[in-house]
C-alpha atoms as a PDB file:
ATOM      1  CA  MET A   1       9.340   0.314  -0.736  1.00  0.00           C
ATOM      2  CA  GLU A   2      10.498   3.547  -2.397  1.00  0.00           C
ATOM      3  CA  LYS A   3       8.393   5.903  -4.573  1.00  0.00           C
ATOM      4  CA  GLY A   4       8.604   4.444  -8.277  1.00  0.00           C
ATOM      5  CA  ASP A   5       9.599   1.017  -7.112  1.00  0.00           C
ATOM      6  CA  LEU A   6       7.551  -0.991  -9.671  1.00  0.00           C
ATOM      7  CA  GLU A   7       8.956  -4.424  -8.605  1.00  0.00           C
ATOM      8  CA  GLY A   8       8.242  -3.557  -4.877  1.00  0.00           C
ATOM      9  CA  ALA A   9       4.662  -2.712  -5.903  1.00  0.00           C
ATOM     10  CA  ARG A  10       4.175  -5.762  -7.860  1.00  0.00           C
ATOM     11  CA  GLU A  11       5.566  -8.000  -5.067  1.00  0.00           C
ATOM     12  CA  ALA A  12       3.291  -6.284  -2.488  1.00  0.00           C
ATOM     13  CA  PHE A  13       0.249  -6.842  -4.601  1.00  0.00           C
ATOM     14  CA  GLU A  14       1.215 -10.510  -5.293  1.00  0.00           C
ATOM     15  CA  ASN A  15       1.800 -10.968  -1.498  1.00  0.00           C
ATOM     16  CA  SER A  16      -1.646  -9.555  -0.809  1.00  0.00           C
ATOM     17  CA  ILE A  17      -3.198 -11.839  -3.346  1.00  0.00           C
ATOM     18  CA  LYS A  18      -1.397 -14.879  -1.952  1.00  0.00           C
ATOM     19  CA  LEU A  19      -2.378 -13.987   1.613  1.00  0.00           C
ATOM     20  CA  GLY A  20      -6.048 -13.453   0.898  1.00  0.00           C
ATOM     21  CA  LYS A  21      -6.220 -16.845  -0.952  1.00  0.00           C
ATOM     22  CA  ARG A  22      -4.484 -18.633   1.907  1.00  0.00           C
ATOM     23  CA  LEU A  23      -6.857 -17.113   4.416  1.00  0.00           C
ATOM     24  CA  ASN A  24      -9.894 -17.670   2.256  1.00  0.00           C
ATOM     25  CA  LEU A  25     -10.862 -14.061   1.817  1.00  0.00           C
ATOM     26  CA  PRO A  26     -12.284 -13.943  -1.769  1.00  0.00           C
ATOM     27  CA  ALA A  27     -13.594 -10.204  -1.412  1.00  0.00           C
ATOM     28  CA  GLU A  28     -10.358  -8.978  -0.179  1.00  0.00           C
ATOM     29  CA  THR A  29      -8.314 -11.021  -2.733  1.00  0.00           C
ATOM     30  CA  ALA A  30     -10.546  -9.655  -5.532  1.00  0.00           C
ATOM     31  CA  SER A  31      -9.941  -6.211  -4.311  1.00  0.00           C
ATOM     32  CA  ALA A  32      -6.188  -6.680  -4.495  1.00  0.00           C
ATOM     33  CA  TYR A  33      -6.559  -7.999  -8.000  1.00  0.00           C
ATOM     34  CA  VAL A  34      -8.565  -4.916  -9.015  1.00  0.00           C
ATOM     35  CA  GLU A  35      -5.861  -2.645  -7.455  1.00  0.00           C
ATOM     36  CA  PHE A  36      -3.089  -4.560  -9.190  1.00  0.00           C
ATOM     37  CA  GLY A  37      -5.032  -4.382 -12.427  1.00  0.00           C
ATOM     38  CA  LEU A  38      -5.360  -0.727 -12.266  1.00  0.00           C
ATOM     39  CA  LEU A  39      -1.652  -0.368 -11.647  1.00  0.00           C
ATOM     40  CA  LEU A  40      -0.825  -2.510 -14.710  1.00  0.00           C
ATOM     41  CA  GLU A  41      -3.253  -0.509 -16.761  1.00  0.00           C
ATOM     42  CA  ASP A  42      -1.511   2.672 -15.888  1.00  0.00           C
ATOM     43  CA  LEU A  43       1.733   1.178 -16.810  1.00  0.00           C
ATOM     44  CA  GLY A  44       0.326   0.084 -20.249  1.00  0.00           C
ATOM     45  CA  ASP A  45       0.187  -3.598 -19.477  1.00  0.00           C
ATOM     46  CA  LYS A  46      -3.523  -4.053 -20.612  1.00  0.00           C
ATOM     47  CA  ASP A  47      -3.309  -7.748 -21.004  1.00  0.00           C
ATOM     48  CA  GLY A  48      -2.088  -8.034 -17.406  1.00  0.00           C
ATOM     49  CA  ALA A  49      -4.882  -5.736 -16.253  1.00  0.00           C
ATOM     50  CA  LYS A  50      -7.390  -7.782 -17.997  1.00  0.00           C
ATOM     51  CA  GLY A  51      -6.127 -10.827 -16.394  1.00  0.00           C
ATOM     52  CA  CYS A  52      -6.414  -9.246 -12.956  1.00  0.00           C
ATOM     53  CA  PHE A  53      -9.824  -7.954 -13.659  1.00  0.00           C
ATOM     54  CA  LYS A  54     -11.032 -11.354 -14.797  1.00  0.00           C
ATOM     55  CA  GLN A  55      -9.601 -12.952 -11.548  1.00  0.00           C
ATOM     56  CA  ALA A  56     -11.556 -10.346  -9.465  1.00  0.00           C
ATOM     57  CA  GLN A  57     -14.601 -10.994 -11.557  1.00  0.00           C
ATOM     58  CA  ALA A  58     -14.614 -14.677 -10.869  1.00  0.00           C
ATOM     59  CA  LEU A  59     -14.079 -14.056  -7.156  1.00  0.00           C
ATOM     60  CA  TYR A  60     -16.795 -11.376  -6.756  1.00  0.00           C
ATOM     61  CA  GLN A  61     -19.267 -13.600  -8.722  1.00  0.00           C
ATOM     62  CA  GLY A  62     -18.457 -16.375  -6.270  1.00  0.00           C
ATOM     63  CA  VAL A  63     -19.366 -14.449  -3.245  1.00  0.00           C
ATOM     64  CA  ARG A  64     -22.255 -12.545  -5.001  1.00  0.00           C
ATOM     65  CA  LEU A  65     -20.859  -9.044  -4.550  1.00  0.00           C
ATOM     66  CA  ASP A  66     -22.898  -7.462  -7.384  1.00  0.00           C
ATOM     67  CA  LYS A  67     -21.884  -3.799  -6.891  1.00  0.00           C
ATOM     68  CA  GLU A  68     -18.015  -4.664  -6.847  1.00  0.00           C
ATOM     69  CA  LEU A  69     -18.658  -7.074  -9.912  1.00  0.00           C
ATOM     70  CA  ALA A  70     -20.360  -4.153 -11.818  1.00  0.00           C
ATOM     71  CA  VAL A  71     -17.207  -2.116 -11.400  1.00  0.00           C
ATOM     72  CA  VAL A  72     -14.919  -4.802 -12.587  1.00  0.00           C
ATOM     73  CA  LYS A  73     -17.113  -5.487 -15.664  1.00  0.00           C
ATOM     74  CA  ARG A  74     -16.841  -1.583 -16.430  1.00  0.00           C
ATOM     75  CA  HIS A  75     -12.966  -1.889 -16.239  1.00  0.00           C
ATOM     76  CA  LEU A  76     -13.146  -4.825 -18.647  1.00  0.00           C
ATOM     77  CA  GLU A  77     -15.475  -3.061 -20.997  1.00  0.00           C
ATOM     78  CA  ARG A  78     -13.152  -0.027 -21.090  1.00  0.00           C
ATOM     79  CA  LEU A  79     -10.079  -2.107 -21.742  1.00  0.00           C
ATOM     80  CA  ALA A  80     -12.162  -3.972 -24.628  1.00  0.00           C
ATOM     81  CA  ALA A  81     -12.805  -0.663 -26.397  1.00  0.00           C
END
């Protein structure tokens, strides 16, 4: 993947999310959603970022990772402002 390769980055994140789901790794999958959401936010895709953060939120809630959940909630609050 070359620097500035948005489609390559998107594909890498999507593959990471798919792998995490397939291997039943909710915390790692949530982390990939957060990172993908941050990328989308930086690119101006706030709706896409919100969707990623909401997916991460649900996964973190499911495995009771409160510290990580709090970070995701702050991201969502920032986007709502």
